Every structure is written in C-alpha cells, then in structure tokens.
Amino acid sequence: RKERPEYISLAKEFFDGQNVFLDAKIKVL
C-alpha cells in the first residue's frame, strides 16, 4: 500500500468524519 495511514477511524471512514456518538480508532502496523 502506497498510502500508509497511522490509524483507521470508524467515524472518519463510515460517517464522513462527522462528530458522531460512536468512534473507534485502530492503529495500523
């Protein structure tokens, strides 16, 4: 993968980064 994000965010990926009531951050190694 060329782009290497540090985290995957539930809110960012599924709710367009909105300030929603639920989020989860997964660190990518």
PDB file of all heavy atoms in Angstrom:
ATOM      1  N   ARG A   1       0.852  -1.190   0.000  1.00  0.00           N
ATOM      2  CA  ARG A   1       0.000   0.000   0.000  1.00  0.00           C
ATOM      3  C   ARG A   1       0.883   1.233   0.000  1.00  0.00           C
ATOM      4  O   ARG A   1       1.776   1.384   0.830  1.00  0.00           O
ATOM      5  CB  ARG A   1      -0.912   0.007   1.238  1.00  0.00           C
ATOM      6  CG  ARG A   1      -1.918   1.156   1.234  1.00  0.00           C
ATOM      7  CD  ARG A   1      -2.869   1.025   2.413  1.00  0.00           C
ATOM      8  NE  ARG A   1      -3.740   2.176   2.544  1.00  0.00           N
ATOM      9  CZ  ARG A   1      -4.850   2.373   1.851  1.00  0.00           C
ATOM     10  NH1 ARG A   1      -5.219   1.468   0.965  1.00  0.00           N
ATOM     11  NH2 ARG A   1      -5.579   3.443   2.041  1.00  0.00           N
ATOM     12  N   LYS A   2       0.637   2.143  -0.965  1.00  0.00           N
ATOM     13  CA  LYS A   2       1.454   3.345  -1.062  1.00  0.00           C
ATOM     14  C   LYS A   2       1.148   4.311   0.072  1.00  0.00           C
ATOM     15  O   LYS A   2       2.033   4.852   0.714  1.00  0.00           O
ATOM     16  CB  LYS A   2       1.220   4.022  -2.423  1.00  0.00           C
ATOM     17  CG  LYS A   2       1.735   3.210  -3.600  1.00  0.00           C
ATOM     18  CD  LYS A   2       1.503   3.923  -4.920  1.00  0.00           C
ATOM     19  CE  LYS A   2       2.031   3.101  -6.095  1.00  0.00           C
ATOM     20  NZ  LYS A   2       1.798   3.779  -7.386  1.00  0.00           N
ATOM     21  N   GLU A   3      -0.164   4.552   0.292  1.00  0.00           N
ATOM     22  CA  GLU A   3      -0.553   5.423   1.392  1.00  0.00           C
ATOM     23  C   GLU A   3      -0.595   4.591   2.677  1.00  0.00           C
ATOM     24  O   GLU A   3      -1.169   3.514   2.699  1.00  0.00           O
ATOM     25  CB  GLU A   3      -1.925   6.036   1.121  1.00  0.00           C
ATOM     26  CG  GLU A   3      -1.953   6.951  -0.090  1.00  0.00           C
ATOM     27  CD  GLU A   3      -3.331   7.513  -0.340  1.00  0.00           C
ATOM     28  OE1 GLU A   3      -4.220   7.272   0.491  1.00  0.00           O
ATOM     29  OE2 GLU A   3      -3.515   8.170  -1.369  1.00  0.00           O
ATOM     30  N   ARG A   4       0.012   5.123   3.725  1.00  0.00           N
ATOM     31  CA  ARG A   4       0.079   4.367   4.968  1.00  0.00           C
ATOM     32  C   ARG A   4      -0.462   5.192   6.128  1.00  0.00           C
ATOM     33  O   ARG A   4       0.296   5.821   6.863  1.00  0.00           O
ATOM     34  CB  ARG A   4       1.515   3.930   5.249  1.00  0.00           C
ATOM     35  CG  ARG A   4       2.033   2.923   4.233  1.00  0.00           C
ATOM     36  CD  ARG A   4       3.307   2.270   4.703  1.00  0.00           C
ATOM     37  NE  ARG A   4       3.602   1.062   3.968  1.00  0.00           N
ATOM     38  CZ  ARG A   4       4.459   0.135   4.380  1.00  0.00           C
ATOM     39  NH1 ARG A   4       5.106   0.304   5.520  1.00  0.00           N
ATOM     40  NH2 ARG A   4       4.675  -0.948   3.677  1.00  0.00           N
ATOM     41  N   PRO A   5      -1.771   5.209   6.308  1.00  0.00           N
ATOM     42  CA  PRO A   5      -2.334   5.961   7.432  1.00  0.00           C
ATOM     43  C   PRO A   5      -1.931   5.327   8.753  1.00  0.00           C
ATOM     44  O   PRO A   5      -1.758   4.113   8.857  1.00  0.00           O
ATOM     45  CB  PRO A   5      -3.848   5.848   7.205  1.00  0.00           C
ATOM     46  CG  PRO A   5      -4.016   4.603   6.402  1.00  0.00           C
ATOM     47  CD  PRO A   5      -2.806   4.524   5.522  1.00  0.00           C
ATOM     48  N   GLU A   6      -1.810   6.160   9.758  1.00  0.00           N
ATOM     49  CA  GLU A   6      -1.419   5.646  11.077  1.00  0.00           C
ATOM     50  C   GLU A   6      -2.594   4.968  11.766  1.00  0.00           C
ATOM     51  O   GLU A   6      -2.420   3.998  12.500  1.00  0.00           O
ATOM     52  CB  GLU A   6      -0.899   6.791  11.952  1.00  0.00           C
ATOM     53  CG  GLU A   6      -0.354   6.327  13.291  1.00  0.00           C
ATOM     54  CD  GLU A   6       0.209   7.457  14.121  1.00  0.00           C
ATOM     55  OE1 GLU A   6       0.142   8.625  13.658  1.00  0.00           O
ATOM     56  OE2 GLU A   6       0.724   7.190  15.232  1.00  0.00           O
ATOM     57  N   TYR A   7      -3.794   5.492  11.498  1.00  0.00           N
ATOM     58  CA  TYR A   7      -4.993   4.947  12.141  1.00  0.00           C
ATOM     59  C   TYR A   7      -6.107   4.760  11.110  1.00  0.00           C
ATOM     60  O   TYR A   7      -6.154   5.450  10.091  1.00  0.00           O
ATOM     61  CB  TYR A   7      -5.515   5.886  13.232  1.00  0.00           C
ATOM     62  CG  TYR A   7      -4.632   5.982  14.449  1.00  0.00           C
ATOM     63  CD1 TYR A   7      -3.674   6.988  14.555  1.00  0.00           C
ATOM     64  CD2 TYR A   7      -4.766   5.079  15.500  1.00  0.00           C
ATOM     65  CE1 TYR A   7      -2.863   7.084  15.673  1.00  0.00           C
ATOM     66  CE2 TYR A   7      -3.956   5.170  16.625  1.00  0.00           C
ATOM     67  CZ  TYR A   7      -3.012   6.174  16.710  1.00  0.00           C
ATOM     68  OH  TYR A   7      -2.209   6.257  17.812  1.00  0.00           O
ATOM     69  N   ILE A   8      -7.003   3.830  11.415  1.00  0.00           N
ATOM     70  CA  ILE A   8      -8.288   3.736  10.731  1.00  0.00           C
ATOM     71  C   ILE A   8      -9.331   4.176  11.745  1.00  0.00           C
ATOM     72  O   ILE A   8      -9.379   3.659  12.858  1.00  0.00           O
ATOM     73  CB  ILE A   8      -8.585   2.299  10.266  1.00  0.00           C
ATOM     74  CG1 ILE A   8      -7.540   1.819   9.267  1.00  0.00           C
ATOM     75  CG2 ILE A   8      -9.979   2.225   9.639  1.00  0.00           C
ATOM     76  CD1 ILE A   8      -7.712   0.362   8.858  1.00  0.00           C
ATOM     77  N   SER A   9     -10.147   5.148  11.361  1.00  0.00           N
ATOM     78  CA  SER A   9     -11.165   5.680  12.267  1.00  0.00           C
ATOM     79  C   SER A   9     -12.548   5.298  11.772  1.00  0.00           C
ATOM     80  O   SER A   9     -12.884   5.509  10.609  1.00  0.00           O
ATOM     81  CB  SER A   9     -11.046   7.200  12.356  1.00  0.00           C
ATOM     82  OG  SER A   9     -12.219   7.769  12.916  1.00  0.00           O
ATOM     83  N   LEU A  10     -13.349   4.742  12.665  1.00  0.00           N
ATOM     84  CA  LEU A  10     -14.714   4.357  12.312  1.00  0.00           C
ATOM     85  C   LEU A  10     -15.511   5.583  11.866  1.00  0.00           C
ATOM     86  O   LEU A  10     -16.183   5.557  10.833  1.00  0.00           O
ATOM     87  CB  LEU A  10     -15.399   3.698  13.514  1.00  0.00           C
ATOM     88  CG  LEU A  10     -16.830   3.201  13.284  1.00  0.00           C
ATOM     89  CD1 LEU A  10     -16.814   1.917  12.473  1.00  0.00           C
ATOM     90  CD2 LEU A  10     -17.537   2.971  14.619  1.00  0.00           C
ATOM     91  N   ALA A  11     -15.431   6.675  12.629  1.00  0.00           N
ATOM     92  CA  ALA A  11     -16.197   7.886  12.300  1.00  0.00           C
ATOM     93  C   ALA A  11     -15.748   8.475  10.975  1.00  0.00           C
ATOM     94  O   ALA A  11     -16.569   8.903  10.157  1.00  0.00           O
ATOM     95  CB  ALA A  11     -16.050   8.910  13.419  1.00  0.00           C
ATOM     96  N   LYS A  12     -14.449   8.499  10.734  1.00  0.00           N
ATOM     97  CA  LYS A  12     -13.927   9.080   9.503  1.00  0.00           C
ATOM     98  C   LYS A  12     -14.325   8.265   8.285  1.00  0.00           C
ATOM     99  O   LYS A  12     -14.734   8.811   7.254  1.00  0.00           O
ATOM    100  CB  LYS A  12     -12.408   9.177   9.584  1.00  0.00           C
ATOM    101  CG  LYS A  12     -11.768   9.748   8.330  1.00  0.00           C
ATOM    102  CD  LYS A  12     -10.248   9.799   8.458  1.00  0.00           C
ATOM    103  CE  LYS A  12      -9.607  10.312   7.179  1.00  0.00           C
ATOM    104  NZ  LYS A  12      -8.127  10.341   7.290  1.00  0.00           N
ATOM    105  N   GLU A  13     -14.205   6.957   8.377  1.00  0.00           N
ATOM    106  CA  GLU A  13     -14.440   6.096   7.219  1.00  0.00           C
ATOM    107  C   GLU A  13     -15.915   5.877   6.918  1.00  0.00           C
ATOM    108  O   GLU A  13     -16.309   5.735   5.769  1.00  0.00           O
ATOM    109  CB  GLU A  13     -13.748   4.747   7.415  1.00  0.00           C
ATOM    110  CG  GLU A  13     -12.238   4.829   7.567  1.00  0.00           C
ATOM    111  CD  GLU A  13     -11.552   5.392   6.336  1.00  0.00           C
ATOM    112  OE1 GLU A  13     -12.166   5.382   5.252  1.00  0.00           O
ATOM    113  OE2 GLU A  13     -10.404   5.854   6.462  1.00  0.00           O
ATOM    114  N   PHE A  14     -16.749   5.839   7.964  1.00  0.00           N
ATOM    115  CA  PHE A  14     -18.142   5.458   7.748  1.00  0.00           C
ATOM    116  C   PHE A  14     -19.132   6.610   7.935  1.00  0.00           C
ATOM    117  O   PHE A  14     -20.274   6.523   7.504  1.00  0.00           O
ATOM    118  CB  PHE A  14     -18.514   4.302   8.670  1.00  0.00           C
ATOM    119  CG  PHE A  14     -17.811   3.019   8.323  1.00  0.00           C
ATOM    120  CD1 PHE A  14     -16.575   2.705   8.877  1.00  0.00           C
ATOM    121  CD2 PHE A  14     -18.364   2.133   7.414  1.00  0.00           C
ATOM    122  CE1 PHE A  14     -15.908   1.536   8.541  1.00  0.00           C
ATOM    123  CE2 PHE A  14     -17.707   0.959   7.070  1.00  0.00           C
ATOM    124  CZ  PHE A  14     -16.481   0.667   7.628  1.00  0.00           C
ATOM    125  N   PHE A  15     -18.699   7.686   8.594  1.00  0.00           N
ATOM    126  CA  PHE A  15     -19.607   8.806   8.841  1.00  0.00           C
ATOM    127  C   PHE A  15     -18.994  10.131   8.402  1.00  0.00           C
ATOM    128  O   PHE A  15     -19.293  11.183   8.961  1.00  0.00           O
ATOM    129  CB  PHE A  15     -19.987   8.853  10.327  1.00  0.00           C
ATOM    130  CG  PHE A  15     -20.517   7.547  10.844  1.00  0.00           C
ATOM    131  CD1 PHE A  15     -19.807   6.820  11.792  1.00  0.00           C
ATOM    132  CD2 PHE A  15     -21.701   7.010  10.363  1.00  0.00           C
ATOM    133  CE1 PHE A  15     -20.273   5.606  12.264  1.00  0.00           C
ATOM    134  CE2 PHE A  15     -22.175   5.802  10.821  1.00  0.00           C
ATOM    135  CZ  PHE A  15     -21.462   5.088  11.772  1.00  0.00           C
ATOM    136  N   ASP A  16     -18.120  10.057   7.389  1.00  0.00           N
ATOM    137  CA  ASP A  16     -17.518  11.249   6.779  1.00  0.00           C
ATOM    138  C   ASP A  16     -16.826  12.153   7.793  1.00  0.00           C
ATOM    139  O   ASP A  16     -16.797  13.379   7.637  1.00  0.00           O
ATOM    140  CB  ASP A  16     -18.583  12.052   6.028  1.00  0.00           C
ATOM    141  CG  ASP A  16     -19.194  11.245   4.882  1.00  0.00           C
ATOM    142  OD1 ASP A  16     -18.435  10.497   4.237  1.00  0.00           O
ATOM    143  OD2 ASP A  16     -20.406  11.350   4.652  1.00  0.00           O
ATOM    144  N   GLY A  17     -16.300  11.552   8.848  1.00  0.00           N
ATOM    145  CA  GLY A  17     -15.554  12.319   9.836  1.00  0.00           C
ATOM    146  C   GLY A  17     -16.398  13.213  10.715  1.00  0.00           C
ATOM    147  O   GLY A  17     -15.872  14.076  11.423  1.00  0.00           O
ATOM    148  N   GLN A  18     -17.721  13.013  10.682  1.00  0.00           N
ATOM    149  CA  GLN A  18     -18.610  13.853  11.489  1.00  0.00           C
ATOM    150  C   GLN A  18     -18.433  13.537  12.976  1.00  0.00           C
ATOM    151  O   GLN A  18     -17.957  12.465  13.357  1.00  0.00           O
ATOM    152  CB  GLN A  18     -20.070  13.618  11.087  1.00  0.00           C
ATOM    153  CG  GLN A  18     -20.370  13.983   9.643  1.00  0.00           C
ATOM    154  CD  GLN A  18     -21.807  13.678   9.283  1.00  0.00           C
ATOM    155  OE1 GLN A  18     -22.723  13.952  10.049  1.00  0.00           O
ATOM    156  NE2 GLN A  18     -22.017  13.106   8.107  1.00  0.00           N
ATOM    157  N   ASN A  19     -18.852  14.481  13.786  1.00  0.00           N
ATOM    158  CA  ASN A  19     -18.782  14.300  15.229  1.00  0.00           C
ATOM    159  C   ASN A  19     -19.969  13.453  15.675  1.00  0.00           C
ATOM    160  O   ASN A  19     -20.993  13.969  16.123  1.00  0.00           O
ATOM    161  CB  ASN A  19     -18.793  15.657  15.932  1.00  0.00           C
ATOM    162  CG  ASN A  19     -18.586  15.517  17.434  1.00  0.00           C
ATOM    163  OD1 ASN A  19     -18.086  14.503  17.913  1.00  0.00           O
ATOM    164  ND2 ASN A  19     -18.978  16.544  18.172  1.00  0.00           N
ATOM    165  N   VAL A  20     -19.830  12.142  15.523  1.00  0.00           N
ATOM    166  CA  VAL A  20     -20.920  11.224  15.841  1.00  0.00           C
ATOM    167  C   VAL A  20     -20.759  10.694  17.264  1.00  0.00           C
ATOM    168  O   VAL A  20     -19.761  10.941  17.934  1.00  0.00           O
ATOM    169  CB  VAL A  20     -20.963  10.047  14.832  1.00  0.00           C
ATOM    170  CG1 VAL A  20     -21.331  10.552  13.458  1.00  0.00           C
ATOM    171  CG2 VAL A  20     -19.633   9.330  14.790  1.00  0.00           C
ATOM    172  N   PHE A  21     -21.747   9.934  17.703  1.00  0.00           N
ATOM    173  CA  PHE A  21     -21.745   9.439  19.067  1.00  0.00           C
ATOM    174  C   PHE A  21     -20.850   8.217  19.268  1.00  0.00           C
ATOM    175  O   PHE A  21     -20.651   7.776  20.388  1.00  0.00           O
ATOM    176  CB  PHE A  21     -23.184   9.090  19.493  1.00  0.00           C
ATOM    177  CG  PHE A  21     -24.033  10.290  19.776  1.00  0.00           C
ATOM    178  CD1 PHE A  21     -24.729  10.918  18.758  1.00  0.00           C
ATOM    179  CD2 PHE A  21     -24.122  10.800  21.059  1.00  0.00           C
ATOM    180  CE1 PHE A  21     -25.510  12.038  19.014  1.00  0.00           C
ATOM    181  CE2 PHE A  21     -24.902  11.911  21.327  1.00  0.00           C
ATOM    182  CZ  PHE A  21     -25.594  12.540  20.299  1.00  0.00           C
ATOM    183  N   LEU A  22     -20.359   7.657  18.195  1.00  0.00           N
ATOM    184  CA  LEU A  22     -19.535   6.457  18.309  1.00  0.00           C
ATOM    185  C   LEU A  22     -18.328   6.553  17.399  1.00  0.00           C
ATOM    186  O   LEU A  22     -18.438   6.940  16.242  1.00  0.00           O
ATOM    187  CB  LEU A  22     -20.354   5.215  17.920  1.00  0.00           C
ATOM    188  CG  LEU A  22     -19.611   3.878  17.921  1.00  0.00           C
ATOM    189  CD1 LEU A  22     -19.189   3.499  19.342  1.00  0.00           C
ATOM    190  CD2 LEU A  22     -20.477   2.779  17.311  1.00  0.00           C
ATOM    191  N   ASP A  23     -17.175   6.191  17.934  1.00  0.00           N
ATOM    192  CA  ASP A  23     -15.969   6.134  17.119  1.00  0.00           C
ATOM    193  C   ASP A  23     -15.069   5.038  17.671  1.00  0.00           C
ATOM    194  O   ASP A  23     -15.204   4.627  18.827  1.00  0.00           O
ATOM    195  CB  ASP A  23     -15.223   7.466  17.116  1.00  0.00           C
ATOM    196  CG  ASP A  23     -14.175   7.543  16.006  1.00  0.00           C
ATOM    197  OD1 ASP A  23     -14.152   6.636  15.151  1.00  0.00           O
ATOM    198  OD2 ASP A  23     -13.388   8.507  15.996  1.00  0.00           O
ATOM    199  N   ALA A  24     -14.198   4.559  16.841  1.00  0.00           N
ATOM    200  CA  ALA A  24     -13.182   3.590  17.253  1.00  0.00           C
ATOM    201  C   ALA A  24     -11.957   3.836  16.391  1.00  0.00           C
ATOM    202  O   ALA A  24     -12.075   4.054  15.187  1.00  0.00           O
ATOM    203  CB  ALA A  24     -13.688   2.155  17.067  1.00  0.00           C
ATOM    204  N   LYS A  25     -10.794   3.838  17.016  1.00  0.00           N
ATOM    205  CA  LYS A  25      -9.550   4.060  16.284  1.00  0.00           C
ATOM    206  C   LYS A  25      -8.702   2.802  16.354  1.00  0.00           C
ATOM    207  O   LYS A  25      -8.483   2.248  17.434  1.00  0.00           O
ATOM    208  CB  LYS A  25      -8.788   5.244  16.877  1.00  0.00           C
ATOM    209  CG  LYS A  25      -9.448   6.590  16.617  1.00  0.00           C
ATOM    210  CD  LYS A  25      -8.690   7.714  17.316  1.00  0.00           C
ATOM    211  CE  LYS A  25      -7.296   7.884  16.730  1.00  0.00           C
ATOM    212  NZ  LYS A  25      -6.560   9.000  17.368  1.00  0.00           N
ATOM    213  N   ILE A  26      -8.257   2.363  15.186  1.00  0.00           N
ATOM    214  CA  ILE A  26      -7.407   1.176  15.098  1.00  0.00           C
ATOM    215  C   ILE A  26      -6.060   1.602  14.558  1.00  0.00           C
ATOM    216  O   ILE A  26      -5.976   2.185  13.467  1.00  0.00           O
ATOM    217  CB  ILE A  26      -8.043   0.100  14.188  1.00  0.00           C
ATOM    218  CG1 ILE A  26      -9.325  -0.447  14.817  1.00  0.00           C
ATOM    219  CG2 ILE A  26      -7.065  -1.050  13.964  1.00  0.00           C
ATOM    220  CD1 ILE A  26     -10.550   0.350  14.507  1.00  0.00           C
ATOM    221  N   LYS A  27      -5.014   1.343  15.283  1.00  0.00           N
ATOM    222  CA  LYS A  27      -3.667   1.699  14.845  1.00  0.00           C
ATOM    223  C   LYS A  27      -3.186   0.655  13.845  1.00  0.00           C
ATOM    224  O   LYS A  27      -3.324  -0.551  14.068  1.00  0.00           O
ATOM    225  CB  LYS A  27      -2.710   1.766  16.029  1.00  0.00           C
ATOM    226  CG  LYS A  27      -1.318   2.280  15.656  1.00  0.00           C
ATOM    227  CD  LYS A  27      -0.444   2.483  16.874  1.00  0.00           C
ATOM    228  CE  LYS A  27       0.947   2.967  16.507  1.00  0.00           C
ATOM    229  NZ  LYS A  27       0.956   4.275  15.843  1.00  0.00           N
ATOM    230  N   VAL A  28      -2.635   1.123  12.733  1.00  0.00           N
ATOM    231  CA  VAL A  28      -2.162   0.230  11.681  1.00  0.00           C
ATOM    232  C   VAL A  28      -0.650   0.024  11.824  1.00  0.00           C
ATOM    233  O   VAL A  28       0.110   0.986  11.902  1.00  0.00           O
ATOM    234  CB  VAL A  28      -2.477   0.787  10.280  1.00  0.00           C
ATOM    235  CG1 VAL A  28      -2.132  -0.244   9.211  1.00  0.00           C
ATOM    236  CG2 VAL A  28      -3.956   1.177  10.180  1.00  0.00           C
ATOM    237  N   LEU A  29      -0.234  -1.228  11.871  1.00  0.00           N
ATOM    238  CA  LEU A  29       1.179  -1.581  11.998  1.00  0.00           C
ATOM    239  C   LEU A  29       1.644  -2.212  10.693  1.00  0.00           C
ATOM    240  O   LEU A  29       1.002  -3.129  10.175  1.00  0.00           O
ATOM    241  CB  LEU A  29       1.374  -2.562  13.153  1.00  0.00           C
ATOM    242  CG  LEU A  29       0.784  -2.133  14.512  1.00  0.00           C
ATOM    243  CD1 LEU A  29       0.863  -3.276  15.506  1.00  0.00           C
ATOM    244  CD2 LEU A  29       1.499  -0.907  15.049  1.00  0.00           C
TER     245      LEU A  29
END
